[in-house]
Amino acid sequence: MFTLNPDSSTPLVSQIVDGFRRMVGEQALKPGAKVPSIRAFAASHGVSVFTVVEAYDRLAAESTVEARRGSERVVRWIGLLLIVQLRPQETCCRTVFSRWERERQEIA
């Protein structure tokens, strides 16, 4: 996953949000991928459950992740659409979009 630096001037919530954004941007987390549960993430990174709740809420507000049945959270499709919109080269956009379309069909 990614590491957090408690000594950084960047708040832990922002580090978590930025870490997930980076993983989605690098396609290390693909659309439909499950995000660790709040308790599991908090335990594995040594942070408060409340810190993770706030970070996950921010990710949901910006449509990077979505909550599903119960407490399950997954990466949303919109994450890759944002990557497509941010890519300046048209050929690059087509490559990323076609890969996104294939992966979306495979999961659905």
PDB file of N, CA and C in Angstrom:
ATOM      1  N   MET A   1       0.857  -1.170   0.000  1.00  0.00           N
ATOM      2  CA  MET A   1       0.000   0.000   0.000  1.00  0.00           C
ATOM      3  C   MET A   1       0.906   1.237   0.000  1.00  0.00           C
ATOM      4  N   PHE A   2       0.894   2.030   1.041  1.00  0.00           N
ATOM      5  CA  PHE A   2       1.765   3.195   1.152  1.00  0.00           C
ATOM      6  C   PHE A   2       2.042   3.433   2.629  1.00  0.00           C
ATOM      7  N   THR A   3       3.053   4.227   2.906  1.00  0.00           N
ATOM      8  CA  THR A   3       3.424   4.480   4.294  1.00  0.00           C
ATOM      9  C   THR A   3       3.021   5.893   4.703  1.00  0.00           C
ATOM     10  N   LEU A   4       2.760   6.041   5.979  1.00  0.00           N
ATOM     11  CA  LEU A   4       2.409   7.340   6.536  1.00  0.00           C
ATOM     12  C   LEU A   4       3.563   7.831   7.393  1.00  0.00           C
ATOM     13  N   ASN A   5       3.743   9.140   7.418  1.00  0.00           N
ATOM     14  CA  ASN A   5       4.807   9.732   8.212  1.00  0.00           C
ATOM     15  C   ASN A   5       4.179  10.608   9.299  1.00  0.00           C
ATOM     16  N   PRO A   6       4.100  10.080  10.539  1.00  0.00           N
ATOM     17  CA  PRO A   6       3.471  10.862  11.606  1.00  0.00           C
ATOM     18  C   PRO A   6       4.252  12.127  11.971  1.00  0.00           C
ATOM     19  N   ASP A   7       5.533  12.194  11.590  1.00  0.00           N
ATOM     20  CA  ASP A   7       6.354  13.366  11.898  1.00  0.00           C
ATOM     21  C   ASP A   7       6.237  14.460  10.838  1.00  0.00           C
ATOM     22  N   SER A   8       5.535  14.189   9.767  1.00  0.00           N
ATOM     23  CA  SER A   8       5.385  15.157   8.679  1.00  0.00           C
ATOM     24  C   SER A   8       4.476  16.306   9.099  1.00  0.00           C
ATOM     25  N   SER A   9       4.664  17.457   8.477  1.00  0.00           N
ATOM     26  CA  SER A   9       3.774  18.594   8.733  1.00  0.00           C
ATOM     27  C   SER A   9       2.424  18.398   8.029  1.00  0.00           C
ATOM     28  N   THR A  10       2.366  17.443   7.096  1.00  0.00           N
ATOM     29  CA  THR A  10       1.113  17.120   6.407  1.00  0.00           C
ATOM     30  C   THR A  10       0.259  16.253   7.328  1.00  0.00           C
ATOM     31  N   PRO A  11      -0.985  16.652   7.578  1.00  0.00           N
ATOM     32  CA  PRO A  11      -1.840  15.855   8.457  1.00  0.00           C
ATOM     33  C   PRO A  11      -2.007  14.418   7.946  1.00  0.00           C
ATOM     34  N   LEU A  12      -2.199  13.479   8.869  1.00  0.00           N
ATOM     35  CA  LEU A  12      -2.342  12.067   8.500  1.00  0.00           C
ATOM     36  C   LEU A  12      -3.524  11.854   7.557  1.00  0.00           C
ATOM     37  N   VAL A  13      -4.618  12.556   7.788  1.00  0.00           N
ATOM     38  CA  VAL A  13      -5.783  12.417   6.909  1.00  0.00           C
ATOM     39  C   VAL A  13      -5.394  12.761   5.479  1.00  0.00           C
ATOM     40  N   SER A  14      -4.671  13.857   5.295  1.00  0.00           N
ATOM     41  CA  SER A  14      -4.242  14.270   3.953  1.00  0.00           C
ATOM     42  C   SER A  14      -3.272  13.262   3.357  1.00  0.00           C
ATOM     43  N   GLN A  15      -2.405  12.693   4.174  1.00  0.00           N
ATOM     44  CA  GLN A  15      -1.471  11.675   3.681  1.00  0.00           C
ATOM     45  C   GLN A  15      -2.220  10.445   3.173  1.00  0.00           C
ATOM     46  N   ILE A  16      -3.270  10.053   3.891  1.00  0.00           N
ATOM     47  CA  ILE A  16      -4.062   8.890   3.470  1.00  0.00           C
ATOM     48  C   ILE A  16      -4.783   9.196   2.162  1.00  0.00           C
ATOM     49  N   VAL A  17      -5.430  10.348   2.091  1.00  0.00           N
ATOM     50  CA  VAL A  17      -6.150  10.745   0.871  1.00  0.00           C
ATOM     51  C   VAL A  17      -5.189  10.811  -0.309  1.00  0.00           C
ATOM     52  N   ASP A  18      -4.058  11.466  -0.108  1.00  0.00           N
ATOM     53  CA  ASP A  18      -3.070  11.578  -1.187  1.00  0.00           C
ATOM     54  C   ASP A  18      -2.519  10.215  -1.592  1.00  0.00           C
ATOM     55  N   GLY A  19      -2.331   9.332  -0.626  1.00  0.00           N
ATOM     56  CA  GLY A  19      -1.826   7.987  -0.922  1.00  0.00           C
ATOM     57  C   GLY A  19      -2.788   7.209  -1.808  1.00  0.00           C
ATOM     58  N   PHE A  20      -4.070   7.272  -1.476  1.00  0.00           N
ATOM     59  CA  PHE A  20      -5.059   6.567  -2.308  1.00  0.00           C
ATOM     60  C   PHE A  20      -5.185   7.220  -3.677  1.00  0.00           C
ATOM     61  N   ARG A  21      -5.159   8.550  -3.725  1.00  0.00           N
ATOM     62  CA  ARG A  21      -5.209   9.232  -5.033  1.00  0.00           C
ATOM     63  C   ARG A  21      -4.042   8.789  -5.910  1.00  0.00           C
ATOM     64  N   ARG A  22      -2.866   8.726  -5.307  1.00  0.00           N
ATOM     65  CA  ARG A  22      -1.668   8.328  -6.054  1.00  0.00           C
ATOM     66  C   ARG A  22      -1.813   6.880  -6.559  1.00  0.00           C
ATOM     67  N   MET A  23      -2.313   5.995  -5.702  1.00  0.00           N
ATOM     68  CA  MET A  23      -2.465   4.598  -6.116  1.00  0.00           C
ATOM     69  C   MET A  23      -3.480   4.451  -7.251  1.00  0.00           C
ATOM     70  N   VAL A  24      -4.553   5.228  -7.195  1.00  0.00           N
ATOM     71  CA  VAL A  24      -5.541   5.190  -8.283  1.00  0.00           C
ATOM     72  C   VAL A  24      -4.927   5.782  -9.548  1.00  0.00           C
ATOM     73  N   GLY A  25      -4.205   6.892  -9.400  1.00  0.00           N
ATOM     74  CA  GLY A  25      -3.562   7.532 -10.551  1.00  0.00           C
ATOM     75  C   GLY A  25      -2.537   6.641 -11.224  1.00  0.00           C
ATOM     76  N   GLU A  26      -1.814   5.863 -10.436  1.00  0.00           N
ATOM     77  CA  GLU A  26      -0.805   4.939 -10.977  1.00  0.00           C
ATOM     78  C   GLU A  26      -1.414   3.602 -11.373  1.00  0.00           C
ATOM     79  N   GLN A  27      -2.707   3.468 -11.197  1.00  0.00           N
ATOM     80  CA  GLN A  27      -3.466   2.258 -11.490  1.00  0.00           C
ATOM     81  C   GLN A  27      -3.021   1.068 -10.651  1.00  0.00           C
ATOM     82  N   ALA A  28      -2.442   1.350  -9.474  1.00  0.00           N
ATOM     83  CA  ALA A  28      -2.140   0.281  -8.528  1.00  0.00           C
ATOM     84  C   ALA A  28      -3.444  -0.193  -7.890  1.00  0.00           C
ATOM     85  N   LEU A  29      -4.415   0.701  -7.789  1.00  0.00           N
ATOM     86  CA  LEU A  29      -5.774   0.358  -7.374  1.00  0.00           C
ATOM     87  C   LEU A  29      -6.671   0.614  -8.565  1.00  0.00           C
ATOM     88  N   LYS A  30      -7.249  -0.429  -9.069  1.00  0.00           N
ATOM     89  CA  LYS A  30      -8.088  -0.308 -10.260  1.00  0.00           C
ATOM     90  C   LYS A  30      -9.549  -0.150  -9.862  1.00  0.00           C
ATOM     91  N   PRO A  31     -10.363   0.370 -10.751  1.00  0.00           N
ATOM     92  CA  PRO A  31     -11.792   0.512 -10.454  1.00  0.00           C
ATOM     93  C   PRO A  31     -12.398  -0.826 -10.045  1.00  0.00           C
ATOM     94  N   GLY A  32     -13.182  -0.795  -8.999  1.00  0.00           N
ATOM     95  CA  GLY A  32     -13.808  -2.003  -8.487  1.00  0.00           C
ATOM     96  C   GLY A  32     -12.976  -2.691  -7.418  1.00  0.00           C
ATOM     97  N   ALA A  33     -11.723  -2.267  -7.251  1.00  0.00           N
ATOM     98  CA  ALA A  33     -10.854  -2.880  -6.232  1.00  0.00           C
ATOM     99  C   ALA A  33     -11.356  -2.516  -4.844  1.00  0.00           C
ATOM    100  N   LYS A  34     -11.309  -3.486  -3.942  1.00  0.00           N
ATOM    101  CA  LYS A  34     -11.723  -3.225  -2.571  1.00  0.00           C
ATOM    102  C   LYS A  34     -10.653  -2.433  -1.838  1.00  0.00           C
ATOM    103  N   VAL A  35     -11.113  -1.471  -1.061  1.00  0.00           N
ATOM    104  CA  VAL A  35     -10.249  -0.665  -0.213  1.00  0.00           C
ATOM    105  C   VAL A  35     -10.247  -1.336   1.162  1.00  0.00           C
ATOM    106  N   PRO A  36      -9.116  -1.349   1.851  1.00  0.00           N
ATOM    107  CA  PRO A  36      -9.097  -1.985   3.177  1.00  0.00           C
ATOM    108  C   PRO A  36     -10.175  -1.395   4.090  1.00  0.00           C
ATOM    109  N   SER A  37     -10.707  -2.226   4.982  1.00  0.00           N
ATOM    110  CA  SER A  37     -11.696  -1.717   5.930  1.00  0.00           C
ATOM    111  C   SER A  37     -11.053  -0.644   6.798  1.00  0.00           C
ATOM    112  N   ILE A  38     -11.884   0.166   7.390  1.00  0.00           N
ATOM    113  CA  ILE A  38     -11.391   1.257   8.232  1.00  0.00           C
ATOM    114  C   ILE A  38     -10.535   0.709   9.362  1.00  0.00           C
ATOM    115  N   ARG A  39     -11.023  -0.312  10.040  1.00  0.00           N
ATOM    116  CA  ARG A  39     -10.274  -0.878  11.170  1.00  0.00           C
ATOM    117  C   ARG A  39      -8.984  -1.537  10.730  1.00  0.00           C
ATOM    118  N   ALA A  40      -9.042  -2.253   9.611  1.00  0.00           N
ATOM    119  CA  ALA A  40      -7.828  -2.918   9.116  1.00  0.00           C
ATOM    120  C   ALA A  40      -6.772  -1.892   8.723  1.00  0.00           C
ATOM    121  N   PHE A  41      -7.185  -0.832   8.023  1.00  0.00           N
ATOM    122  CA  PHE A  41      -6.231   0.195   7.624  1.00  0.00           C
ATOM    123  C   PHE A  41      -5.644   0.881   8.850  1.00  0.00           C
ATOM    124  N   ALA A  42      -6.502   1.233   9.811  1.00  0.00           N
ATOM    125  CA  ALA A  42      -6.039   1.902  11.029  1.00  0.00           C
ATOM    126  C   ALA A  42      -5.041   1.025  11.784  1.00  0.00           C
ATOM    127  N   ALA A  43      -5.351  -0.250  11.909  1.00  0.00           N
ATOM    128  CA  ALA A  43      -4.462  -1.162  12.643  1.00  0.00           C
ATOM    129  C   ALA A  43      -3.131  -1.344  11.923  1.00  0.00           C
ATOM    130  N   SER A  44      -3.170  -1.509  10.614  1.00  0.00           N
ATOM    131  CA  SER A  44      -1.934  -1.775   9.876  1.00  0.00           C
ATOM    132  C   SER A  44      -1.039  -0.539   9.763  1.00  0.00           C
ATOM    133  N   HIS A  45      -1.618   0.650   9.893  1.00  0.00           N
ATOM    134  CA  HIS A  45      -0.827   1.877   9.771  1.00  0.00           C
ATOM    135  C   HIS A  45      -0.637   2.598  11.106  1.00  0.00           C
ATOM    136  N   GLY A  46      -1.193   2.036  12.174  1.00  0.00           N
ATOM    137  CA  GLY A  46      -1.001   2.612  13.498  1.00  0.00           C
ATOM    138  C   GLY A  46      -1.614   3.985  13.679  1.00  0.00           C
ATOM    139  N   VAL A  47      -2.800   4.187  13.093  1.00  0.00           N
ATOM    140  CA  VAL A  47      -3.489   5.471  13.229  1.00  0.00           C
ATOM    141  C   VAL A  47      -4.870   5.239  13.827  1.00  0.00           C
ATOM    142  N   SER A  48      -5.506   6.311  14.234  1.00  0.00           N
ATOM    143  CA  SER A  48      -6.841   6.247  14.819  1.00  0.00           C
ATOM    144  C   SER A  48      -7.875   5.866  13.760  1.00  0.00           C
ATOM    145  N   VAL A  49      -8.879   5.134  14.205  1.00  0.00           N
ATOM    146  CA  VAL A  49      -9.996   4.793  13.327  1.00  0.00           C
ATOM    147  C   VAL A  49     -10.669   6.075  12.834  1.00  0.00           C
ATOM    148  N   PHE A  50     -10.749   7.079  13.686  1.00  0.00           N
ATOM    149  CA  PHE A  50     -11.397   8.345  13.313  1.00  0.00           C
ATOM    150  C   PHE A  50     -10.626   9.062  12.197  1.00  0.00           C
ATOM    151  N   THR A  51      -9.314   8.922  12.197  1.00  0.00           N
ATOM    152  CA  THR A  51      -8.491   9.508  11.135  1.00  0.00           C
ATOM    153  C   THR A  51      -8.824   8.853   9.797  1.00  0.00           C
ATOM    154  N   VAL A  52      -8.945   7.540   9.805  1.00  0.00           N
ATOM    155  CA  VAL A  52      -9.253   6.794   8.575  1.00  0.00           C
ATOM    156  C   VAL A  52     -10.674   7.104   8.114  1.00  0.00           C
ATOM    157  N   VAL A  53     -11.613   7.211   9.058  1.00  0.00           N
ATOM    158  CA  VAL A  53     -12.992   7.553   8.695  1.00  0.00           C
ATOM    159  C   VAL A  53     -13.029   8.894   7.971  1.00  0.00           C
ATOM    160  N   GLU A  54     -12.323   9.867   8.508  1.00  0.00           N
ATOM    161  CA  GLU A  54     -12.304  11.193   7.860  1.00  0.00           C
ATOM    162  C   GLU A  54     -11.676  11.120   6.466  1.00  0.00           C
ATOM    163  N   ALA A  55     -10.583  10.369   6.338  1.00  0.00           N
ATOM    164  CA  ALA A  55      -9.926  10.236   5.030  1.00  0.00           C
ATOM    165  C   ALA A  55     -10.846   9.544   4.034  1.00  0.00           C
ATOM    166  N   TYR A  56     -11.492   8.450   4.451  1.00  0.00           N
ATOM    167  CA  TYR A  56     -12.396   7.727   3.556  1.00  0.00           C
ATOM    168  C   TYR A  56     -13.589   8.603   3.174  1.00  0.00           C
ATOM    169  N   ASP A  57     -14.073   9.402   4.128  1.00  0.00           N
ATOM    170  CA  ASP A  57     -15.181  10.310   3.809  1.00  0.00           C
ATOM    171  C   ASP A  57     -14.766  11.334   2.758  1.00  0.00           C
ATOM    172  N   ARG A  58     -13.544  11.842   2.860  1.00  0.00           N
ATOM    173  CA  ARG A  58     -13.048  12.790   1.850  1.00  0.00           C
ATOM    174  C   ARG A  58     -12.935  12.109   0.489  1.00  0.00           C
ATOM    175  N   LEU A  59     -12.426  10.879   0.482  1.00  0.00           N
ATOM    176  CA  LEU A  59     -12.298  10.149  -0.787  1.00  0.00           C
ATOM    177  C   LEU A  59     -13.669   9.887  -1.405  1.00  0.00           C
ATOM    178  N   ALA A  60     -14.657   9.601  -0.569  1.00  0.00           N
ATOM    179  CA  ALA A  60     -16.014   9.383  -1.079  1.00  0.00           C
ATOM    180  C   ALA A  60     -16.602  10.690  -1.597  1.00  0.00           C
ATOM    181  N   ALA A  61     -16.332  11.797  -0.906  1.00  0.00           N
ATOM    182  CA  ALA A  61     -16.864  13.101  -1.331  1.00  0.00           C
ATOM    183  C   ALA A  61     -16.314  13.508  -2.689  1.00  0.00           C
ATOM    184  N   GLU A  62     -15.072  13.124  -2.984  1.00  0.00           N
ATOM    185  CA  GLU A  62     -14.494  13.479  -4.282  1.00  0.00           C
ATOM    186  C   GLU A  62     -14.678  12.359  -5.304  1.00  0.00           C
ATOM    187  N   SER A  63     -15.461  11.354  -4.955  1.00  0.00           N
ATOM    188  CA  SER A  63     -15.812  10.231  -5.845  1.00  0.00           C
ATOM    189  C   SER A  63     -14.628   9.346  -6.219  1.00  0.00           C
ATOM    190  N   THR A  64     -13.632   9.263  -5.359  1.00  0.00           N
ATOM    191  CA  THR A  64     -12.528   8.338  -5.613  1.00  0.00           C
ATOM    192  C   THR A  64     -12.910   6.935  -5.160  1.00  0.00           C
ATOM    193  N   VAL A  65     -13.627   6.846  -4.037  1.00  0.00           N
ATOM    194  CA  VAL A  65     -14.131   5.559  -3.558  1.00  0.00           C
ATOM    195  C   VAL A  65     -15.623   5.680  -3.316  1.00  0.00           C
ATOM    196  N   GLU A  66     -16.290   4.553  -3.258  1.00  0.00           N
ATOM    197  CA  GLU A  66     -17.705   4.546  -2.935  1.00  0.00           C
ATOM    198  C   GLU A  66     -17.974   3.438  -1.928  1.00  0.00           C
ATOM    199  N   ALA A  67     -18.928   3.693  -1.056  1.00  0.00           N
ATOM    200  CA  ALA A  67     -19.319   2.693  -0.074  1.00  0.00           C
ATOM    201  C   ALA A  67     -20.324   1.748  -0.727  1.00  0.00           C
ATOM    202  N   ARG A  68     -20.170   0.482  -0.412  1.00  0.00           N
ATOM    203  CA  ARG A  68     -21.122  -0.527  -0.885  1.00  0.00           C
ATOM    204  C   ARG A  68     -21.630  -1.297   0.316  1.00  0.00           C
ATOM    205  N   ARG A  69     -22.415  -2.321   0.067  1.00  0.00           N
ATOM    206  CA  ARG A  69     -22.997  -3.139   1.131  1.00  0.00           C
ATOM    207  C   ARG A  69     -22.222  -3.060   2.443  1.00  0.00           C
ATOM    208  N   GLY A  70     -22.919  -2.681   3.474  1.00  0.00           N
ATOM    209  CA  GLY A  70     -22.282  -2.643   4.780  1.00  0.00           C
ATOM    210  C   GLY A  70     -21.120  -1.684   4.824  1.00  0.00           C
ATOM    211  N   SER A  71     -19.942  -2.204   5.122  1.00  0.00           N
ATOM    212  CA  SER A  71     -18.777  -1.333   5.279  1.00  0.00           C
ATOM    213  C   SER A  71     -17.787  -1.465   4.130  1.00  0.00           C
ATOM    214  N   GLU A  72     -18.151  -2.190   3.075  1.00  0.00           N
ATOM    215  CA  GLU A  72     -17.225  -2.372   1.945  1.00  0.00           C
ATOM    216  C   GLU A  72     -17.097  -1.088   1.145  1.00  0.00           C
ATOM    217  N   ARG A  73     -15.859  -0.760   0.785  1.00  0.00           N
ATOM    218  CA  ARG A  73     -15.593   0.401  -0.055  1.00  0.00           C
ATOM    219  C   ARG A  73     -14.758  -0.036  -1.240  1.00  0.00           C
ATOM    220  N   VAL A  74     -15.044   0.533  -2.399  1.00  0.00           N
ATOM    221  CA  VAL A  74     -14.306   0.176  -3.610  1.00  0.00           C
ATOM    222  C   VAL A  74     -13.900   1.442  -4.352  1.00  0.00           C
ATOM    223  N   VAL A  75     -12.882   1.302  -5.193  1.00  0.00           N
ATOM    224  CA  VAL A  75     -12.444   2.400  -6.043  1.00  0.00           C
ATOM    225  C   VAL A  75     -13.515   2.624  -7.108  1.00  0.00           C
ATOM    226  N   ARG A  76     -13.861   3.880  -7.329  1.00  0.00           N
ATOM    227  CA  ARG A  76     -14.893   4.205  -8.313  1.00  0.00           C
ATOM    228  C   ARG A  76     -14.300   4.324  -9.713  1.00  0.00           C
ATOM    229  N   TRP A  77     -15.141   4.155 -10.697  1.00  0.00           N
ATOM    230  CA  TRP A  77     -14.720   4.302 -12.093  1.00  0.00           C
ATOM    231  C   TRP A  77     -14.280   5.714 -12.396  1.00  0.00           C
ATOM    232  N   ILE A  78     -14.857   6.674 -11.717  1.00  0.00           N
ATOM    233  CA  ILE A  78     -14.556   8.074 -12.016  1.00  0.00           C
ATOM    234  C   ILE A  78     -13.067   8.370 -11.848  1.00  0.00           C
ATOM    235  N   GLY A  79     -12.383   7.623 -10.990  1.00  0.00           N
ATOM    236  CA  GLY A  79     -10.955   7.847 -10.794  1.00  0.00           C
ATOM    237  C   GLY A  79     -10.189   7.784 -12.096  1.00  0.00           C
ATOM    238  N   LEU A  80     -10.451   6.788 -12.930  1.00  0.00           N
ATOM    239  CA  LEU A  80      -9.746   6.687 -14.204  1.00  0.00           C
ATOM    240  C   LEU A  80     -10.253   7.700 -15.219  1.00  0.00           C
ATOM    241  N   LEU A  81     -11.511   8.081 -15.116  1.00  0.00           N
ATOM    242  CA  LEU A  81     -11.999   9.117 -16.017  1.00  0.00           C
ATOM    243  C   LEU A  81     -11.282  10.428 -15.749  1.00  0.00           C
ATOM    244  N   LEU A  82     -10.997  10.711 -14.489  1.00  0.00           N
ATOM    245  CA  LEU A  82     -10.247  11.926 -14.169  1.00  0.00           C
ATOM    246  C   LEU A  82      -8.849  11.868 -14.757  1.00  0.00           C
ATOM    247  N   ILE A  83      -8.232  10.698 -14.734  1.00  0.00           N
ATOM    248  CA  ILE A  83      -6.905  10.542 -15.325  1.00  0.00           C
ATOM    249  C   ILE A  83      -6.984  10.839 -16.823  1.00  0.00           C
ATOM    250  N   VAL A  84      -8.003  10.321 -17.471  1.00  0.00           N
ATOM    251  CA  VAL A  84      -8.163  10.553 -18.903  1.00  0.00           C
ATOM    252  C   VAL A  84      -8.295  12.046 -19.174  1.00  0.00           C
ATOM    253  N   GLN A  85      -9.077  12.744 -18.386  1.00  0.00           N
ATOM    254  CA  GLN A  85      -9.281  14.159 -18.611  1.00  0.00           C
ATOM    255  C   GLN A  85      -8.017  14.961 -18.334  1.00  0.00           C
ATOM    256  N   LEU A  86      -7.158  14.482 -17.472  1.00  0.00           N
ATOM    257  CA  LEU A  86      -5.955  15.216 -17.129  1.00  0.00           C
ATOM    258  C   LEU A  86      -4.801  14.957 -18.093  1.00  0.00           C
ATOM    259  N   ARG A  87      -4.892  13.921 -18.896  1.00  0.00           N
ATOM    260  CA  ARG A  87      -3.819  13.610 -19.839  1.00  0.00           C
ATOM    261  C   ARG A  87      -3.874  14.569 -21.017  1.00  0.00           C
ATOM    262  N   PRO A  88      -2.781  15.266 -21.317  1.00  0.00           N
ATOM    263  CA  PRO A  88      -2.826  16.242 -22.407  1.00  0.00           C
ATOM    264  C   PRO A  88      -2.722  15.619 -23.797  1.00  0.00           C
ATOM    265  N   GLN A  89      -2.060  14.476 -23.929  1.00  0.00           N
ATOM    266  CA  GLN A  89      -1.867  13.887 -25.253  1.00  0.00           C
ATOM    267  C   GLN A  89      -3.083  13.036 -25.622  1.00  0.00           C
ATOM    268  N   GLU A  90      -3.613  13.293 -26.782  1.00  0.00           N
ATOM    269  CA  GLU A  90      -4.812  12.591 -27.225  1.00  0.00           C
ATOM    270  C   GLU A  90      -4.575  11.092 -27.331  1.00  0.00           C
ATOM    271  N   THR A  91      -3.442  10.661 -27.872  1.00  0.00           N
ATOM    272  CA  THR A  91      -3.187   9.234 -28.026  1.00  0.00           C
ATOM    273  C   THR A  91      -3.097   8.556 -26.670  1.00  0.00           C
ATOM    274  N   CYS A  92      -2.506   9.235 -25.701  1.00  0.00           N
ATOM    275  CA  CYS A  92      -2.410   8.694 -24.353  1.00  0.00           C
ATOM    276  C   CYS A  92      -3.813   8.528 -23.766  1.00  0.00           C
ATOM    277  N   CYS A  93      -4.670   9.520 -23.999  1.00  0.00           N
ATOM    278  CA  CYS A  93      -6.041   9.451 -23.499  1.00  0.00           C
ATOM    279  C   CYS A  93      -6.764   8.244 -24.068  1.00  0.00           C
ATOM    280  N   ARG A  94      -6.600   8.026 -25.345  1.00  0.00           N
ATOM    281  CA  ARG A  94      -7.262   6.885 -25.970  1.00  0.00           C
ATOM    282  C   ARG A  94      -6.768   5.577 -25.390  1.00  0.00           C
ATOM    283  N   THR A  95      -5.478   5.469 -25.150  1.00  0.00           N
ATOM    284  CA  THR A  95      -4.917   4.237 -24.593  1.00  0.00           C
ATOM    285  C   THR A  95      -5.467   3.981 -23.199  1.00  0.00           C
ATOM    286  N   VAL A  96      -5.449   4.997 -22.354  1.00  0.00           N
ATOM    287  CA  VAL A  96      -5.946   4.835 -20.992  1.00  0.00           C
ATOM    288  C   VAL A  96      -7.434   4.551 -21.016  1.00  0.00           C
ATOM    289  N   PHE A  97      -8.205   5.272 -21.844  1.00  0.00           N
ATOM    290  CA  PHE A  97      -9.640   5.076 -21.882  1.00  0.00           C
ATOM    291  C   PHE A  97      -9.996   3.688 -22.385  1.00  0.00           C
ATOM    292  N   SER A  98      -9.307   3.209 -23.424  1.00  0.00           N
ATOM    293  CA  SER A  98      -9.646   1.880 -23.939  1.00  0.00           C
ATOM    294  C   SER A  98      -9.300   0.806 -22.915  1.00  0.00           C
ATOM    295  N   ARG A  99      -8.212   0.983 -22.175  1.00  0.00           N
ATOM    296  CA  ARG A  99      -7.849   0.035 -21.120  1.00  0.00           C
ATOM    297  C   ARG A  99      -8.907   0.074 -20.019  1.00  0.00           C
ATOM    298  N   TRP A 100      -9.350   1.277 -19.674  1.00  0.00           N
ATOM    299  CA  TRP A 100     -10.392   1.436 -18.654  1.00  0.00           C
ATOM    300  C   TRP A 100     -11.675   0.745 -19.101  1.00  0.00           C
ATOM    301  N   GLU A 101     -12.053   0.928 -20.363  1.00  0.00           N
ATOM    302  CA  GLU A 101     -13.274   0.334 -20.882  1.00  0.00           C
ATOM    303  C   GLU A 101     -13.201  -1.197 -20.831  1.00  0.00           C
ATOM    304  N   ARG A 102     -12.061  -1.772 -21.225  1.00  0.00           N
ATOM    305  CA  ARG A 102     -11.901  -3.231 -21.170  1.00  0.00           C
ATOM    306  C   ARG A 102     -12.015  -3.745 -19.737  1.00  0.00           C
ATOM    307  N   GLU A 103     -11.344  -3.074 -18.804  1.00  0.00           N
ATOM    308  CA  GLU A 103     -11.371  -3.511 -17.415  1.00  0.00           C
ATOM    309  C   GLU A 103     -12.764  -3.386 -16.825  1.00  0.00           C
ATOM    310  N   ARG A 104     -13.481  -2.342 -17.188  1.00  0.00           N
ATOM    311  CA  ARG A 104     -14.846  -2.149 -16.687  1.00  0.00           C
ATOM    312  C   ARG A 104     -15.741  -3.280 -17.165  1.00  0.00           C
ATOM    313  N   GLN A 105     -15.591  -3.683 -18.419  1.00  0.00           N
ATOM    314  CA  GLN A 105     -16.398  -4.759 -18.960  1.00  0.00           C
ATOM    315  C   GLN A 105     -16.061  -6.096 -18.308  1.00  0.00           C
ATOM    316  N   GLU A 106     -14.780  -6.322 -18.001  1.00  0.00           N
ATOM    317  CA  GLU A 106     -14.368  -7.573 -17.383  1.00  0.00           C
ATOM    318  C   GLU A 106     -14.960  -7.711 -15.978  1.00  0.00           C
ATOM    319  N   ILE A 107     -15.011  -6.607 -15.238  1.00  0.00           N
ATOM    320  CA  ILE A 107     -15.522  -6.664 -13.867  1.00  0.00           C
ATOM    321  C   ILE A 107     -17.036  -6.772 -13.871  1.00  0.00           C
ATOM    322  N   ALA A 108     -17.681  -6.085 -14.802  1.00  0.00           N
ATOM    323  CA  ALA A 108     -19.160  -6.062 -14.843  1.00  0.00           C
ATOM    324  C   ALA A 108     -19.686  -7.355 -15.316  1.00  0.00           C
TER     325      ALA A 108
END
